[in-house]
Every structure is written in C-alpha cells, then in structure tokens.
C-alpha cells in the first residue's frame, strides 16, 4: 500500500494536490500510482479543484495514463466506475481513498 504523501497540513489544497502529482511522477510502485491516481480522480469530481488540477496539469497526467500497460491506471484515468455514494472508495489492496475535504485533512495530518 502507498504511503501518505509527506505534506505540511497547512499548505492547503494546491500543496496537497501538488504532493499527489509529485508522488505519482516519482514513485515506481504500481500500487502507489493506482492509489494516487484514484485520489486525483476523486478530487476531479469537485469543481472547486478544477483550477488547481489544471494548474498542475493533472488532465495531461490522466491522458498519459491512458497509454499505461496497467489496466487499473487506465480505468482510473477514464473513470469507468461511477462515483459511489459512500464517503470513501476502495482501491486495489483495500486502501480507502478519502473523498470529502475533512477526510483529506485527516489524511494529510496522519
């Protein structure tokens, strides 16, 4: 399972998303990539994140993931699963991906 991004809880939304993008680009672990891409996909549901996702070129990251051999990354990039009504979703390995802002704050603070 991927480790939580090392982020100062006071960096805000942009800093947190930047840490996720950096982790995705730096890690060689497929499990970590899957978890991070699932997190970014969940953040994409919130229109208030759009400016940050665009600034961080997350849309390009999703598009680049479409050419991955890892089918799970491709599925997360095109979001074949519909958003669940649960407050969290599951990624491979049983890890919970936070969806609400308060869950993300808890996630960032460890």
PDB file of N, CA and C in Angstrom:
ATOM      1  N   UNK A   1       0.848  -1.177   0.000  1.00  0.00           N
ATOM      2  CA  UNK A   1       0.000   0.000   0.000  1.00  0.00           C
ATOM      3  C   UNK A   1       0.893   1.238   0.000  1.00  0.00           C
ATOM      4  N   UNK A   2       0.447   2.268  -0.673  1.00  0.00           N
ATOM      5  CA  UNK A   2       1.212   3.501  -0.784  1.00  0.00           C
ATOM      6  C   UNK A   2       1.222   4.234   0.549  1.00  0.00           C
ATOM      7  N   UNK A   3       2.313   4.938   0.786  1.00  0.00           N
ATOM      8  CA  UNK A   3       2.392   5.755   1.979  1.00  0.00           C
ATOM      9  C   UNK A   3       1.678   7.066   1.728  1.00  0.00           C
ATOM     10  N   UNK A   4       1.262   7.696   2.809  1.00  0.00           N
ATOM     11  CA  UNK A   4       0.633   9.011   2.685  1.00  0.00           C
ATOM     12  C   UNK A   4       1.666  10.012   2.195  1.00  0.00           C
ATOM     13  N   UNK A   5       1.246  10.944   1.345  1.00  0.00           N
ATOM     14  CA  UNK A   5       2.192  11.970   0.903  1.00  0.00           C
ATOM     15  C   UNK A   5       2.689  12.768   2.097  1.00  0.00           C
ATOM     16  N   UNK A   6       3.945  13.123   2.057  1.00  0.00           N
ATOM     17  CA  UNK A   6       4.534  13.913   3.139  1.00  0.00           C
ATOM     18  C   UNK A   6       4.220  15.382   2.873  1.00  0.00           C
ATOM     19  N   UNK A   7       3.154  15.886   3.513  1.00  0.00           N
ATOM     20  CA  UNK A   7       2.682  17.237   3.252  1.00  0.00           C
ATOM     21  C   UNK A   7       2.436  17.945   4.571  1.00  0.00           C
ATOM     22  N   UNK A   8       2.892  19.164   4.663  1.00  0.00           N
ATOM     23  CA  UNK A   8       2.568  20.004   5.805  1.00  0.00           C
ATOM     24  C   UNK A   8       1.069  20.272   5.761  1.00  0.00           C
ATOM     25  N   UNK A   9       0.346  20.003   6.862  1.00  0.00           N
ATOM     26  CA  UNK A   9      -1.109  20.177   6.826  1.00  0.00           C
ATOM     27  C   UNK A   9      -1.556  21.614   6.570  1.00  0.00           C
ATOM     28  N   UNK A  10      -0.643  22.560   6.580  1.00  0.00           N
ATOM     29  CA  UNK A  10      -1.010  23.961   6.387  1.00  0.00           C
ATOM     30  C   UNK A  10      -0.755  24.458   4.966  1.00  0.00           C
ATOM     31  N   UNK A  11      -0.357  23.566   4.055  1.00  0.00           N
ATOM     32  CA  UNK A  11      -0.045  24.008   2.695  1.00  0.00           C
ATOM     33  C   UNK A  11      -1.286  24.243   1.856  1.00  0.00           C
ATOM     34  N   UNK A  12      -2.413  23.735   2.286  1.00  0.00           N
ATOM     35  CA  UNK A  12      -3.649  23.971   1.563  1.00  0.00           C
ATOM     36  C   UNK A  12      -3.873  22.979   0.445  1.00  0.00           C
ATOM     37  N   UNK A  13      -4.954  23.214  -0.251  1.00  0.00           N
ATOM     38  CA  UNK A  13      -5.406  22.304  -1.300  1.00  0.00           C
ATOM     39  C   UNK A  13      -4.393  22.178  -2.433  1.00  0.00           C
ATOM     40  N   UNK A  14      -3.865  23.304  -2.908  1.00  0.00           N
ATOM     41  CA  UNK A  14      -2.898  23.261  -4.003  1.00  0.00           C
ATOM     42  C   UNK A  14      -1.661  22.469  -3.596  1.00  0.00           C
ATOM     43  N   UNK A  15      -1.164  22.714  -2.410  1.00  0.00           N
ATOM     44  CA  UNK A  15       0.021  21.993  -1.938  1.00  0.00           C
ATOM     45  C   UNK A  15      -0.220  20.507  -1.815  1.00  0.00           C
ATOM     46  N   UNK A  16      -1.402  20.140  -1.347  1.00  0.00           N
ATOM     47  CA  UNK A  16      -1.737  18.726  -1.207  1.00  0.00           C
ATOM     48  C   UNK A  16      -1.813  18.059  -2.584  1.00  0.00           C
ATOM     49  N   UNK A  17      -2.500  18.710  -3.514  1.00  0.00           N
ATOM     50  CA  UNK A  17      -2.605  18.154  -4.861  1.00  0.00           C
ATOM     51  C   UNK A  17      -1.233  18.086  -5.536  1.00  0.00           C
ATOM     52  N   UNK A  18      -0.400  19.083  -5.293  1.00  0.00           N
ATOM     53  CA  UNK A  18       0.962  19.065  -5.849  1.00  0.00           C
ATOM     54  C   UNK A  18       1.737  17.872  -5.300  1.00  0.00           C
ATOM     55  N   UNK A  19       1.573  17.591  -4.016  1.00  0.00           N
ATOM     56  CA  UNK A  19       2.253  16.445  -3.410  1.00  0.00           C
ATOM     57  C   UNK A  19       1.787  15.135  -4.043  1.00  0.00           C
ATOM     58  N   UNK A  20       0.487  15.035  -4.345  1.00  0.00           N
ATOM     59  CA  UNK A  20      -0.027  13.837  -5.005  1.00  0.00           C
ATOM     60  C   UNK A  20       0.574  13.682  -6.399  1.00  0.00           C
ATOM     61  N   UNK A  21       0.610  14.771  -7.159  1.00  0.00           N
ATOM     62  CA  UNK A  21       1.174  14.721  -8.510  1.00  0.00           C
ATOM     63  C   UNK A  21       2.650  14.331  -8.452  1.00  0.00           C
ATOM     64  N   UNK A  22       3.380  14.929  -7.532  1.00  0.00           N
ATOM     65  CA  UNK A  22       4.807  14.622  -7.382  1.00  0.00           C
ATOM     66  C   UNK A  22       4.997  13.160  -7.011  1.00  0.00           C
ATOM     67  N   UNK A  23       4.172  12.666  -6.083  1.00  0.00           N
ATOM     68  CA  UNK A  23       4.276  11.262  -5.688  1.00  0.00           C
ATOM     69  C   UNK A  23       3.990  10.349  -6.874  1.00  0.00           C
ATOM     70  N   UNK A  24       2.972  10.677  -7.659  1.00  0.00           N
ATOM     71  CA  UNK A  24       2.636   9.857  -8.827  1.00  0.00           C
ATOM     72  C   UNK A  24       3.808   9.812  -9.796  1.00  0.00           C
ATOM     73  N   UNK A  25       4.435  10.951 -10.030  1.00  0.00           N
ATOM     74  CA  UNK A  25       5.522  11.019 -11.002  1.00  0.00           C
ATOM     75  C   UNK A  25       6.812  10.377 -10.487  1.00  0.00           C
ATOM     76  N   UNK A  26       7.013  10.403  -9.163  1.00  0.00           N
ATOM     77  CA  UNK A  26       8.273   9.927  -8.601  1.00  0.00           C
ATOM     78  C   UNK A  26       8.266   8.443  -8.241  1.00  0.00           C
ATOM     79  N   UNK A  27       7.121   7.887  -7.931  1.00  0.00           N
ATOM     80  CA  UNK A  27       7.082   6.508  -7.453  1.00  0.00           C
ATOM     81  C   UNK A  27       7.198   5.504  -8.585  1.00  0.00           C
ATOM     82  N   UNK A  28       7.800   4.381  -8.273  1.00  0.00           N
ATOM     83  CA  UNK A  28       7.855   3.282  -9.233  1.00  0.00           C
ATOM     84  C   UNK A  28       6.880   2.182  -8.838  1.00  0.00           C
ATOM     85  N   UNK A  29       6.264   2.305  -7.678  1.00  0.00           N
ATOM     86  CA  UNK A  29       5.309   1.313  -7.196  1.00  0.00           C
ATOM     87  C   UNK A  29       3.980   1.454  -7.932  1.00  0.00           C
ATOM     88  N   UNK A  30       3.541   0.372  -8.552  1.00  0.00           N
ATOM     89  CA  UNK A  30       2.259   0.403  -9.266  1.00  0.00           C
ATOM     90  C   UNK A  30       1.101   0.606  -8.296  1.00  0.00           C
ATOM     91  N   UNK A  31       1.183   0.007  -7.104  1.00  0.00           N
ATOM     92  CA  UNK A  31       0.133   0.201  -6.106  1.00  0.00           C
ATOM     93  C   UNK A  31       0.022   1.671  -5.697  1.00  0.00           C
ATOM     94  N   UNK A  32       1.159   2.308  -5.501  1.00  0.00           N
ATOM     95  CA  UNK A  32       1.157   3.728  -5.122  1.00  0.00           C
ATOM     96  C   UNK A  32       0.578   4.571  -6.246  1.00  0.00           C
ATOM     97  N   UNK A  33       0.961   4.274  -7.487  1.00  0.00           N
ATOM     98  CA  UNK A  33       0.423   5.021  -8.625  1.00  0.00           C
ATOM     99  C   UNK A  33      -1.095   4.873  -8.706  1.00  0.00           C
ATOM    100  N   UNK A  34      -1.585   3.643  -8.490  1.00  0.00           N
ATOM    101  CA  UNK A  34      -3.026   3.408  -8.529  1.00  0.00           C
ATOM    102  C   UNK A  34      -3.743   4.212  -7.454  1.00  0.00           C
ATOM    103  N   UNK A  35      -3.198   4.194  -6.251  1.00  0.00           N
ATOM    104  CA  UNK A  35      -3.841   4.915  -5.151  1.00  0.00           C
ATOM    105  C   UNK A  35      -3.831   6.424  -5.395  1.00  0.00           C
ATOM    106  N   UNK A  36      -2.714   6.943  -5.856  1.00  0.00           N
ATOM    107  CA  UNK A  36      -2.617   8.387  -6.097  1.00  0.00           C
ATOM    108  C   UNK A  36      -3.539   8.801  -7.244  1.00  0.00           C
ATOM    109  N   UNK A  37      -3.566   8.020  -8.322  1.00  0.00           N
ATOM    110  CA  UNK A  37      -4.440   8.369  -9.442  1.00  0.00           C
ATOM    111  C   UNK A  37      -5.908   8.300  -9.020  1.00  0.00           C
ATOM    112  N   UNK A  38      -6.253   7.328  -8.173  1.00  0.00           N
ATOM    113  CA  UNK A  38      -7.621   7.247  -7.649  1.00  0.00           C
ATOM    114  C   UNK A  38      -7.944   8.487  -6.813  1.00  0.00           C
ATOM    115  N   UNK A  39      -6.999   8.931  -6.007  1.00  0.00           N
ATOM    116  CA  UNK A  39      -7.198  10.160  -5.223  1.00  0.00           C
ATOM    117  C   UNK A  39      -7.436  11.348  -6.144  1.00  0.00           C
ATOM    118  N   UNK A  40      -6.585  11.505  -7.148  1.00  0.00           N
ATOM    119  CA  UNK A  40      -6.733  12.638  -8.067  1.00  0.00           C
ATOM    120  C   UNK A  40      -8.062  12.576  -8.814  1.00  0.00           C
ATOM    121  N   UNK A  41      -8.470  11.375  -9.201  1.00  0.00           N
ATOM    122  CA  UNK A  41      -9.767  11.223  -9.876  1.00  0.00           C
ATOM    123  C   UNK A  41     -10.909  11.646  -8.959  1.00  0.00           C
ATOM    124  N   UNK A  42     -10.822  11.296  -7.695  1.00  0.00           N
ATOM    125  CA  UNK A  42     -11.862  11.703  -6.747  1.00  0.00           C
ATOM    126  C   UNK A  42     -11.892  13.222  -6.570  1.00  0.00           C
ATOM    127  N   UNK A  43     -10.723  13.846  -6.531  1.00  0.00           N
ATOM    128  CA  UNK A  43     -10.681  15.303  -6.404  1.00  0.00           C
ATOM    129  C   UNK A  43     -11.252  15.988  -7.645  1.00  0.00           C
ATOM    130  N   UNK A  44     -11.191  15.316  -8.785  1.00  0.00           N
ATOM    131  CA  UNK A  44     -11.701  15.900 -10.024  1.00  0.00           C
ATOM    132  C   UNK A  44     -13.224  16.047 -10.011  1.00  0.00           C
ATOM    133  N   UNK A  45     -13.911  15.352  -9.113  1.00  0.00           N
ATOM    134  CA  UNK A  45     -15.368  15.487  -9.014  1.00  0.00           C
ATOM    135  C   UNK A  45     -15.786  16.827  -8.421  1.00  0.00           C
ATOM    136  N   UNK A  46     -14.901  17.477  -7.700  1.00  0.00           N
ATOM    137  CA  UNK A  46     -15.220  18.735  -7.031  1.00  0.00           C
ATOM    138  C   UNK A  46     -14.813  19.901  -7.932  1.00  0.00           C
ATOM    139  N   UNK A  47     -15.780  20.655  -8.454  1.00  0.00           N
ATOM    140  CA  UNK A  47     -15.457  21.759  -9.365  1.00  0.00           C
ATOM    141  C   UNK A  47     -14.504  22.801  -8.768  1.00  0.00           C
ATOM    142  N   UNK A  48     -14.475  22.919  -7.446  1.00  0.00           N
ATOM    143  CA  UNK A  48     -13.576  23.905  -6.839  1.00  0.00           C
ATOM    144  C   UNK A  48     -12.109  23.502  -6.982  1.00  0.00           C
ATOM    145  N   UNK A  49     -11.854  22.248  -7.345  1.00  0.00           N
ATOM    146  CA  UNK A  49     -10.475  21.796  -7.555  1.00  0.00           C
ATOM    147  C   UNK A  49      -9.994  22.021  -8.980  1.00  0.00           C
ATOM    148  N   UNK A  50     -10.897  22.369  -9.886  1.00  0.00           N
ATOM    149  CA  UNK A  50     -10.547  22.435 -11.299  1.00  0.00           C
ATOM    150  C   UNK A  50      -9.351  23.358 -11.565  1.00  0.00           C
ATOM    151  N   UNK A  51      -9.348  24.536 -10.962  1.00  0.00           N
ATOM    152  CA  UNK A  51      -8.247  25.464 -11.230  1.00  0.00           C
ATOM    153  C   UNK A  51      -6.902  24.883 -10.797  1.00  0.00           C
ATOM    154  N   UNK A  52      -6.896  24.152  -9.690  1.00  0.00           N
ATOM    155  CA  UNK A  52      -5.647  23.547  -9.212  1.00  0.00           C
ATOM    156  C   UNK A  52      -5.233  22.373 -10.097  1.00  0.00           C
ATOM    157  N   UNK A  53      -6.211  21.561 -10.469  1.00  0.00           N
ATOM    158  CA  UNK A  53      -5.899  20.418 -11.324  1.00  0.00           C
ATOM    159  C   UNK A  53      -5.380  20.881 -12.682  1.00  0.00           C
ATOM    160  N   UNK A  54      -5.955  21.949 -13.188  1.00  0.00           N
ATOM    161  CA  UNK A  54      -5.482  22.495 -14.466  1.00  0.00           C
ATOM    162  C   UNK A  54      -4.077  23.080 -14.318  1.00  0.00           C
ATOM    163  N   UNK A  55      -3.861  23.822 -13.244  1.00  0.00           N
ATOM    164  CA  UNK A  55      -2.545  24.425 -12.993  1.00  0.00           C
ATOM    165  C   UNK A  55      -1.461  23.349 -12.873  1.00  0.00           C
ATOM    166  N   UNK A  56      -1.801  22.227 -12.248  1.00  0.00           N
ATOM    167  CA  UNK A  56      -0.842  21.146 -12.039  1.00  0.00           C
ATOM    168  C   UNK A  56      -0.785  20.176 -13.215  1.00  0.00           C
ATOM    169  N   UNK A  57      -1.559  20.459 -14.259  1.00  0.00           N
ATOM    170  CA  UNK A  57      -1.611  19.652 -15.484  1.00  0.00           C
ATOM    171  C   UNK A  57      -2.011  18.200 -15.203  1.00  0.00           C
ATOM    172  N   UNK A  58      -2.953  18.049 -14.260  1.00  0.00           N
ATOM    173  CA  UNK A  58      -3.451  16.722 -13.913  1.00  0.00           C
ATOM    174  C   UNK A  58      -4.237  16.122 -15.075  1.00  0.00           C
ATOM    175  N   UNK A  59      -4.882  16.963 -15.877  1.00  0.00           N
ATOM    176  CA  UNK A  59      -5.605  16.442 -17.038  1.00  0.00           C
ATOM    177  C   UNK A  59      -4.648  15.720 -17.985  1.00  0.00           C
ATOM    178  N   UNK A  60      -3.459  16.280 -18.173  1.00  0.00           N
ATOM    179  CA  UNK A  60      -2.449  15.627 -19.006  1.00  0.00           C
ATOM    180  C   UNK A  60      -1.980  14.322 -18.367  1.00  0.00           C
ATOM    181  N   UNK A  61      -1.886  14.319 -17.060  1.00  0.00           N
ATOM    182  CA  UNK A  61      -1.491  13.110 -16.345  1.00  0.00           C
ATOM    183  C   UNK A  61      -2.520  11.994 -16.579  1.00  0.00           C
ATOM    184  N   UNK A  62      -3.816  12.358 -16.526  1.00  0.00           N
ATOM    185  CA  UNK A  62      -4.868  11.378 -16.825  1.00  0.00           C
ATOM    186  C   UNK A  62      -4.734  10.872 -18.266  1.00  0.00           C
ATOM    187  N   UNK A  63      -4.526  11.789 -19.187  1.00  0.00           N
ATOM    188  CA  UNK A  63      -4.397  11.396 -20.593  1.00  0.00           C
ATOM    189  C   UNK A  63      -3.181  10.491 -20.808  1.00  0.00           C
ATOM    190  N   UNK A  64      -2.068  10.824 -20.175  1.00  0.00           N
ATOM    191  CA  UNK A  64      -0.868   9.988 -20.290  1.00  0.00           C
ATOM    192  C   UNK A  64      -1.101   8.601 -19.709  1.00  0.00           C
ATOM    193  N   UNK A  65      -1.928   8.509 -18.675  1.00  0.00           N
ATOM    194  CA  UNK A  65      -2.205   7.227 -18.023  1.00  0.00           C
ATOM    195  C   UNK A  65      -3.006   6.289 -18.925  1.00  0.00           C
ATOM    196  N   UNK A  66      -3.671   6.849 -19.926  1.00  0.00           N
ATOM    197  CA  UNK A  66      -4.445   6.014 -20.851  1.00  0.00           C
ATOM    198  C   UNK A  66      -3.561   5.064 -21.657  1.00  0.00           C
ATOM    199  N   UNK A  67      -2.292   5.406 -21.794  1.00  0.00           N
ATOM    200  CA  UNK A  67      -1.382   4.552 -22.570  1.00  0.00           C
ATOM    201  C   UNK A  67      -0.572   3.598 -21.685  1.00  0.00           C
ATOM    202  N   UNK A  68      -0.881   3.548 -20.398  1.00  0.00           N
ATOM    203  CA  UNK A  68      -0.183   2.646 -19.476  1.00  0.00           C
ATOM    204  C   UNK A  68      -0.578   1.200 -19.743  1.00  0.00           C
ATOM    205  N   UNK A  69       0.320   0.286 -19.461  1.00  0.00           N
ATOM    206  CA  UNK A  69       0.005  -1.136 -19.565  1.00  0.00           C
ATOM    207  C   UNK A  69      -0.863  -1.596 -18.393  1.00  0.00           C
ATOM    208  N   UNK A  70      -0.771  -0.906 -17.275  1.00  0.00           N
ATOM    209  CA  UNK A  70      -1.544  -1.237 -16.076  1.00  0.00           C
ATOM    210  C   UNK A  70      -3.008  -0.852 -16.328  1.00  0.00           C
ATOM    211  N   UNK A  71      -3.871  -1.861 -16.447  1.00  0.00           N
ATOM    212  CA  UNK A  71      -5.279  -1.612 -16.763  1.00  0.00           C
ATOM    213  C   UNK A  71      -5.999  -0.808 -15.680  1.00  0.00           C
ATOM    214  N   UNK A  72      -5.575  -0.972 -14.441  1.00  0.00           N
ATOM    215  CA  UNK A  72      -6.212  -0.220 -13.349  1.00  0.00           C
ATOM    216  C   UNK A  72      -5.956   1.271 -13.516  1.00  0.00           C
ATOM    217  N   UNK A  73      -4.742   1.645 -13.903  1.00  0.00           N
ATOM    218  CA  UNK A  73      -4.448   3.060 -14.138  1.00  0.00           C
ATOM    219  C   UNK A  73      -5.299   3.606 -15.279  1.00  0.00           C
ATOM    220  N   UNK A  74      -5.468   2.818 -16.314  1.00  0.00           N
ATOM    221  CA  UNK A  74      -6.293   3.247 -17.443  1.00  0.00           C
ATOM    222  C   UNK A  74      -7.731   3.444 -16.977  1.00  0.00           C
ATOM    223  N   UNK A  75      -8.247   2.499 -16.195  1.00  0.00           N
ATOM    224  CA  UNK A  75      -9.617   2.617 -15.694  1.00  0.00           C
ATOM    225  C   UNK A  75      -9.793   3.849 -14.824  1.00  0.00           C
ATOM    226  N   UNK A  76      -8.818   4.124 -13.940  1.00  0.00           N
ATOM    227  CA  UNK A  76      -8.922   5.320 -13.103  1.00  0.00           C
ATOM    228  C   UNK A  76      -8.826   6.589 -13.946  1.00  0.00           C
ATOM    229  N   UNK A  77      -8.014   6.552 -14.994  1.00  0.00           N
ATOM    230  CA  UNK A  77      -7.846   7.732 -15.847  1.00  0.00           C
ATOM    231  C   UNK A  77      -9.127   8.072 -16.596  1.00  0.00           C
ATOM    232  N   UNK A  78      -9.887   7.035 -16.997  1.00  0.00           N
ATOM    233  CA  UNK A  78     -11.140   7.305 -17.705  1.00  0.00           C
ATOM    234  C   UNK A  78     -12.342   7.155 -16.794  1.00  0.00           C
ATOM    235  N   UNK A  79     -12.090   6.732 -15.552  1.00  0.00           N
ATOM    236  CA  UNK A  79     -13.109   6.597 -14.515  1.00  0.00           C
ATOM    237  C   UNK A  79     -14.276   5.738 -14.972  1.00  0.00           C
ATOM    238  N   UNK A  80     -13.986   4.460 -15.196  1.00  0.00           N
ATOM    239  CA  UNK A  80     -15.024   3.521 -15.596  1.00  0.00           C
ATOM    240  C   UNK A  80     -16.028   3.256 -14.489  1.00  0.00           C
ATOM    241  N   UNK A  81     -15.604   3.435 -13.244  1.00  0.00           N
ATOM    242  CA  UNK A  81     -16.540   3.222 -12.143  1.00  0.00           C
ATOM    243  C   UNK A  81     -17.283   4.515 -11.878  1.00  0.00           C
ATOM    244  N   UNK A  82     -18.555   4.390 -11.563  1.00  0.00           N
ATOM    245  CA  UNK A  82     -19.329   5.590 -11.250  1.00  0.00           C
ATOM    246  C   UNK A  82     -19.024   6.005  -9.830  1.00  0.00           C
ATOM    247  N   UNK A  83     -19.145   7.286  -9.513  1.00  0.00           N
ATOM    248  CA  UNK A  83     -18.858   7.735  -8.156  1.00  0.00           C
ATOM    249  C   UNK A  83     -19.816   7.065  -7.182  1.00  0.00           C
ATOM    250  N   UNK A  84     -19.263   6.564  -6.099  1.00  0.00           N
ATOM    251  CA  UNK A  84     -20.108   5.897  -5.117  1.00  0.00           C
ATOM    252  C   UNK A  84     -20.737   6.921  -4.197  1.00  0.00           C
ATOM    253  N   UNK A  85     -21.786   6.488  -3.538  1.00  0.00           N
ATOM    254  CA  UNK A  85     -22.436   7.367  -2.573  1.00  0.00           C
ATOM    255  C   UNK A  85     -21.758   7.277  -1.223  1.00  0.00           C
ATOM    256  N   UNK A  86     -20.826   6.326  -1.080  1.00  0.00           N
ATOM    257  CA  UNK A  86     -20.090   6.200   0.169  1.00  0.00           C
ATOM    258  C   UNK A  86     -19.157   7.386   0.317  1.00  0.00           C
ATOM    259  N   UNK A  87     -18.689   7.597   1.537  1.00  0.00           N
ATOM    260  CA  UNK A  87     -17.777   8.711   1.772  1.00  0.00           C
ATOM    261  C   UNK A  87     -16.358   8.368   1.359  1.00  0.00           C
ATOM    262  N   UNK A  88     -16.070   7.069   1.145  1.00  0.00           N
ATOM    263  CA  UNK A  88     -14.758   6.654   0.698  1.00  0.00           C
ATOM    264  C   UNK A  88     -14.925   5.586  -0.361  1.00  0.00           C
ATOM    265  N   UNK A  89     -13.916   5.420  -1.205  1.00  0.00           N
ATOM    266  CA  UNK A  89     -13.939   4.351  -2.188  1.00  0.00           C
ATOM    267  C   UNK A  89     -12.767   3.427  -1.922  1.00  0.00           C
ATOM    268  N   UNK A  90     -12.816   2.262  -2.509  1.00  0.00           N
ATOM    269  CA  UNK A  90     -11.763   1.272  -2.333  1.00  0.00           C
ATOM    270  C   UNK A  90     -10.889   1.236  -3.580  1.00  0.00           C
ATOM    271  N   UNK A  91      -9.612   1.081  -3.375  1.00  0.00           N
ATOM    272  CA  UNK A  91      -8.675   0.869  -4.460  1.00  0.00           C
ATOM    273  C   UNK A  91      -8.055  -0.497  -4.246  1.00  0.00           C
ATOM    274  N   UNK A  92      -7.375  -1.030  -5.255  1.00  0.00           N
ATOM    275  CA  UNK A  92      -6.772  -2.352  -5.081  1.00  0.00           C
ATOM    276  C   UNK A  92      -5.935  -2.409  -3.812  1.00  0.00           C
ATOM    277  N   UNK A  93      -6.008  -3.537  -3.131  1.00  0.00           N
ATOM    278  CA  UNK A  93      -5.298  -3.690  -1.871  1.00  0.00           C
ATOM    279  C   UNK A  93      -6.144  -3.287  -0.690  1.00  0.00           C
ATOM    280  N   UNK A  94      -7.375  -2.820  -0.935  1.00  0.00           N
ATOM    281  CA  UNK A  94      -8.284  -2.487   0.151  1.00  0.00           C
ATOM    282  C   UNK A  94      -8.037  -1.140   0.786  1.00  0.00           C
ATOM    283  N   UNK A  95      -7.197  -0.304   0.189  1.00  0.00           N
ATOM    284  CA  UNK A  95      -6.923   1.010   0.769  1.00  0.00           C
ATOM    285  C   UNK A  95      -8.106   1.936   0.542  1.00  0.00           C
ATOM    286  N   UNK A  96      -8.418   2.740   1.532  1.00  0.00           N
ATOM    287  CA  UNK A  96      -9.502   3.708   1.398  1.00  0.00           C
ATOM    288  C   UNK A  96      -8.964   4.993   0.811  1.00  0.00           C
ATOM    289  N   UNK A  97      -9.709   5.565  -0.103  1.00  0.00           N
ATOM    290  CA  UNK A  97      -9.334   6.825  -0.726  1.00  0.00           C
ATOM    291  C   UNK A  97     -10.288   7.882  -0.198  1.00  0.00           C
ATOM    292  N   UNK A  98      -9.775   8.910   0.478  1.00  0.00           N
ATOM    293  CA  UNK A  98     -10.661   9.929   1.026  1.00  0.00           C
ATOM    294  C   UNK A  98     -11.350  10.716  -0.073  1.00  0.00           C
ATOM    295  N   UNK A  99     -12.620  11.056   0.144  1.00  0.00           N
ATOM    296  CA  UNK A  99     -13.367  11.846  -0.831  1.00  0.00           C
ATOM    297  C   UNK A  99     -13.739  13.214  -0.296  1.00  0.00           C
ATOM    298  N   UNK A 100     -14.078  13.316   0.966  1.00  0.00           N
ATOM    299  CA  UNK A 100     -14.515  14.603   1.496  1.00  0.00           C
ATOM    300  C   UNK A 100     -13.314  15.420   1.951  1.00  0.00           C
ATOM    301  N   UNK A 101     -13.502  16.705   2.029  1.00  0.00           N
ATOM    302  CA  UNK A 101     -12.419  17.593   2.423  1.00  0.00           C
ATOM    303  C   UNK A 101     -11.939  17.287   3.839  1.00  0.00           C
ATOM    304  N   UNK A 102     -12.862  16.969   4.758  1.00  0.00           N
ATOM    305  CA  UNK A 102     -12.454  16.658   6.128  1.00  0.00           C
ATOM    306  C   UNK A 102     -11.649  15.362   6.169  1.00  0.00           C
ATOM    307  N   UNK A 103     -11.994  14.389   5.328  1.00  0.00           N
ATOM    308  CA  UNK A 103     -11.225  13.156   5.275  1.00  0.00           C
ATOM    309  C   UNK A 103      -9.832  13.413   4.722  1.00  0.00           C
ATOM    310  N   UNK A 104      -9.733  14.322   3.766  1.00  0.00           N
ATOM    311  CA  UNK A 104      -8.418  14.663   3.221  1.00  0.00           C
ATOM    312  C   UNK A 104      -7.581  15.337   4.284  1.00  0.00           C
ATOM    313  N   UNK A 105      -8.168  16.241   5.063  1.00  0.00           N
ATOM    314  CA  UNK A 105      -7.426  16.892   6.133  1.00  0.00           C
ATOM    315  C   UNK A 105      -6.924  15.856   7.127  1.00  0.00           C
ATOM    316  N   UNK A 106      -7.762  14.906   7.482  1.00  0.00           N
ATOM    317  CA  UNK A 106      -7.331  13.831   8.376  1.00  0.00           C
ATOM    318  C   UNK A 106      -6.221  13.031   7.717  1.00  0.00           C
ATOM    319  N   UNK A 107      -6.353  12.781   6.411  1.00  0.00           N
ATOM    320  CA  UNK A 107      -5.368  12.020   5.661  1.00  0.00           C
ATOM    321  C   UNK A 107      -4.024  12.741   5.655  1.00  0.00           C
ATOM    322  N   UNK A 108      -4.039  14.038   5.419  1.00  0.00           N
ATOM    323  CA  UNK A 108      -2.819  14.836   5.362  1.00  0.00           C
ATOM    324  C   UNK A 108      -2.155  14.908   6.730  1.00  0.00           C
ATOM    325  N   UNK A 109      -2.949  15.056   7.779  1.00  0.00           N
ATOM    326  CA  UNK A 109      -2.406  15.207   9.124  1.00  0.00           C
ATOM    327  C   UNK A 109      -1.949  13.885   9.715  1.00  0.00           C
ATOM    328  N   UNK A 110      -2.340  12.762   9.070  1.00  0.00           N
ATOM    329  CA  UNK A 110      -1.888  11.448   9.502  1.00  0.00           C
ATOM    330  C   UNK A 110      -2.665  10.990  10.661  1.00  0.00           C
TER     331      UNK A 110
END
